[in-house]
Amino acid sequence: MEELIQQLKETRKNLIDSLNGFSEEDFNKIYMIQDKEQSLRSYMNAMVDHDKFHFNQITTFLSS
């Protein structure tokens, strides 16, 4: 479990480092992402909401 958590943290750090290389214009530009036209900003916002959903599931499970 600790190894999995460490891998997750490293993956998230790499993602953040990569995203820091994008300009404001890049975030607002429309891309084809998963067969759908959307901005990187809207895609990342959806991923944050998705992660929050799963985080709440995990928190609920661990507290019961």
C-alpha atoms as a PDB file:
ATOM      1  CA  MET A   1       0.000   0.000   0.000  1.00  0.00           C
ATOM      2  CA  GLU A   2       2.807   2.411   0.864  1.00  0.00           C
ATOM      3  CA  GLU A   3       4.486   1.695  -2.478  1.00  0.00           C
ATOM      4  CA  LEU A   4       1.238   2.389  -4.320  1.00  0.00           C
ATOM      5  CA  ILE A   5       0.781   5.690  -2.479  1.00  0.00           C
ATOM      6  CA  GLN A   6       4.372   6.673  -3.300  1.00  0.00           C
ATOM      7  CA  GLN A   7       3.809   5.863  -6.986  1.00  0.00           C
ATOM      8  CA  LEU A   8       0.642   7.968  -6.984  1.00  0.00           C
ATOM      9  CA  LYS A   9       2.460  10.905  -5.410  1.00  0.00           C
ATOM     10  CA  GLU A  10       5.290  10.665  -7.927  1.00  0.00           C
ATOM     11  CA  THR A  11       2.871  10.432 -10.850  1.00  0.00           C
ATOM     12  CA  ARG A  12       0.953  13.486  -9.613  1.00  0.00           C
ATOM     13  CA  LYS A  13       4.193  15.425  -9.172  1.00  0.00           C
ATOM     14  CA  ASN A  14       5.220  14.565 -12.741  1.00  0.00           C
ATOM     15  CA  LEU A  15       1.813  15.668 -14.039  1.00  0.00           C
ATOM     16  CA  ILE A  16       2.010  18.976 -12.185  1.00  0.00           C
ATOM     17  CA  ASP A  17       5.553  19.558 -13.452  1.00  0.00           C
ATOM     18  CA  SER A  18       4.369  18.913 -17.014  1.00  0.00           C
ATOM     19  CA  LEU A  19       1.323  21.172 -16.670  1.00  0.00           C
ATOM     20  CA  ASN A  20       3.507  23.990 -15.348  1.00  0.00           C
ATOM     21  CA  GLY A  21       5.127  24.070 -18.791  1.00  0.00           C
ATOM     22  CA  PHE A  22       1.879  25.066 -20.493  1.00  0.00           C
ATOM     23  CA  SER A  23       1.002  28.675 -21.162  1.00  0.00           C
ATOM     24  CA  GLU A  24      -2.365  30.248 -20.358  1.00  0.00           C
ATOM     25  CA  GLU A  25      -3.098  30.087 -24.074  1.00  0.00           C
ATOM     26  CA  ASP A  26      -2.327  26.351 -24.110  1.00  0.00           C
ATOM     27  CA  PHE A  27      -4.805  25.763 -21.276  1.00  0.00           C
ATOM     28  CA  ASN A  28      -7.580  27.527 -23.158  1.00  0.00           C
ATOM     29  CA  LYS A  29      -6.844  26.054 -26.588  1.00  0.00           C
ATOM     30  CA  ILE A  30      -9.267  23.384 -27.839  1.00  0.00           C
ATOM     31  CA  TYR A  31      -7.818  19.878 -28.193  1.00  0.00           C
ATOM     32  CA  MET A  32      -9.284  16.504 -29.106  1.00  0.00           C
ATOM     33  CA  ILE A  33      -9.226  14.695 -25.746  1.00  0.00           C
ATOM     34  CA  GLN A  34     -10.835  11.264 -25.453  1.00  0.00           C
ATOM     35  CA  ASP A  35     -12.813  11.749 -28.697  1.00  0.00           C
ATOM     36  CA  LYS A  36     -14.172  15.082 -27.491  1.00  0.00           C
ATOM     37  CA  GLU A  37     -13.162  18.652 -28.295  1.00  0.00           C
ATOM     38  CA  GLN A  38     -12.347  20.469 -25.083  1.00  0.00           C
ATOM     39  CA  SER A  39      -9.788  22.752 -23.532  1.00  0.00           C
ATOM     40  CA  LEU A  40      -7.037  21.402 -21.349  1.00  0.00           C
ATOM     41  CA  ARG A  41      -8.442  23.598 -18.564  1.00  0.00           C
ATOM     42  CA  SER A  42     -11.902  22.016 -18.735  1.00  0.00           C
ATOM     43  CA  TYR A  43     -10.413  18.526 -18.956  1.00  0.00           C
ATOM     44  CA  MET A  44      -8.186  19.069 -15.912  1.00  0.00           C
ATOM     45  CA  ASN A  45     -11.073  20.593 -13.940  1.00  0.00           C
ATOM     46  CA  ALA A  46     -13.149  17.490 -14.684  1.00  0.00           C
ATOM     47  CA  MET A  47     -10.256  15.275 -13.540  1.00  0.00           C
ATOM     48  CA  VAL A  48     -10.001  17.206 -10.263  1.00  0.00           C
ATOM     49  CA  ASP A  49     -13.730  16.690  -9.661  1.00  0.00           C
ATOM     50  CA  HIS A  50     -13.317  13.005 -10.513  1.00  0.00           C
ATOM     51  CA  ASP A  51     -10.446  12.671  -8.036  1.00  0.00           C
ATOM     52  CA  LYS A  52     -12.439  14.435  -5.309  1.00  0.00           C
ATOM     53  CA  PHE A  53     -15.272  11.966  -5.850  1.00  0.00           C
ATOM     54  CA  HIS A  54     -12.945   8.992  -5.376  1.00  0.00           C
ATOM     55  CA  PHE A  55     -11.167  10.637  -2.455  1.00  0.00           C
ATOM     56  CA  ASN A  56     -14.531  11.003  -0.705  1.00  0.00           C
ATOM     57  CA  GLN A  57     -15.291   7.337  -1.414  1.00  0.00           C
ATOM     58  CA  ILE A  58     -11.977   6.293   0.132  1.00  0.00           C
ATOM     59  CA  THR A  59     -12.461   8.582   3.133  1.00  0.00           C
ATOM     60  CA  THR A  60     -15.950   7.199   3.724  1.00  0.00           C
ATOM     61  CA  PHE A  61     -14.707   3.628   3.458  1.00  0.00           C
ATOM     62  CA  LEU A  62     -11.817   4.210   5.858  1.00  0.00           C
ATOM     63  CA  SER A  63     -14.014   5.934   8.421  1.00  0.00           C
ATOM     64  CA  SER A  64     -16.546   3.106   8.599  1.00  0.00           C
END
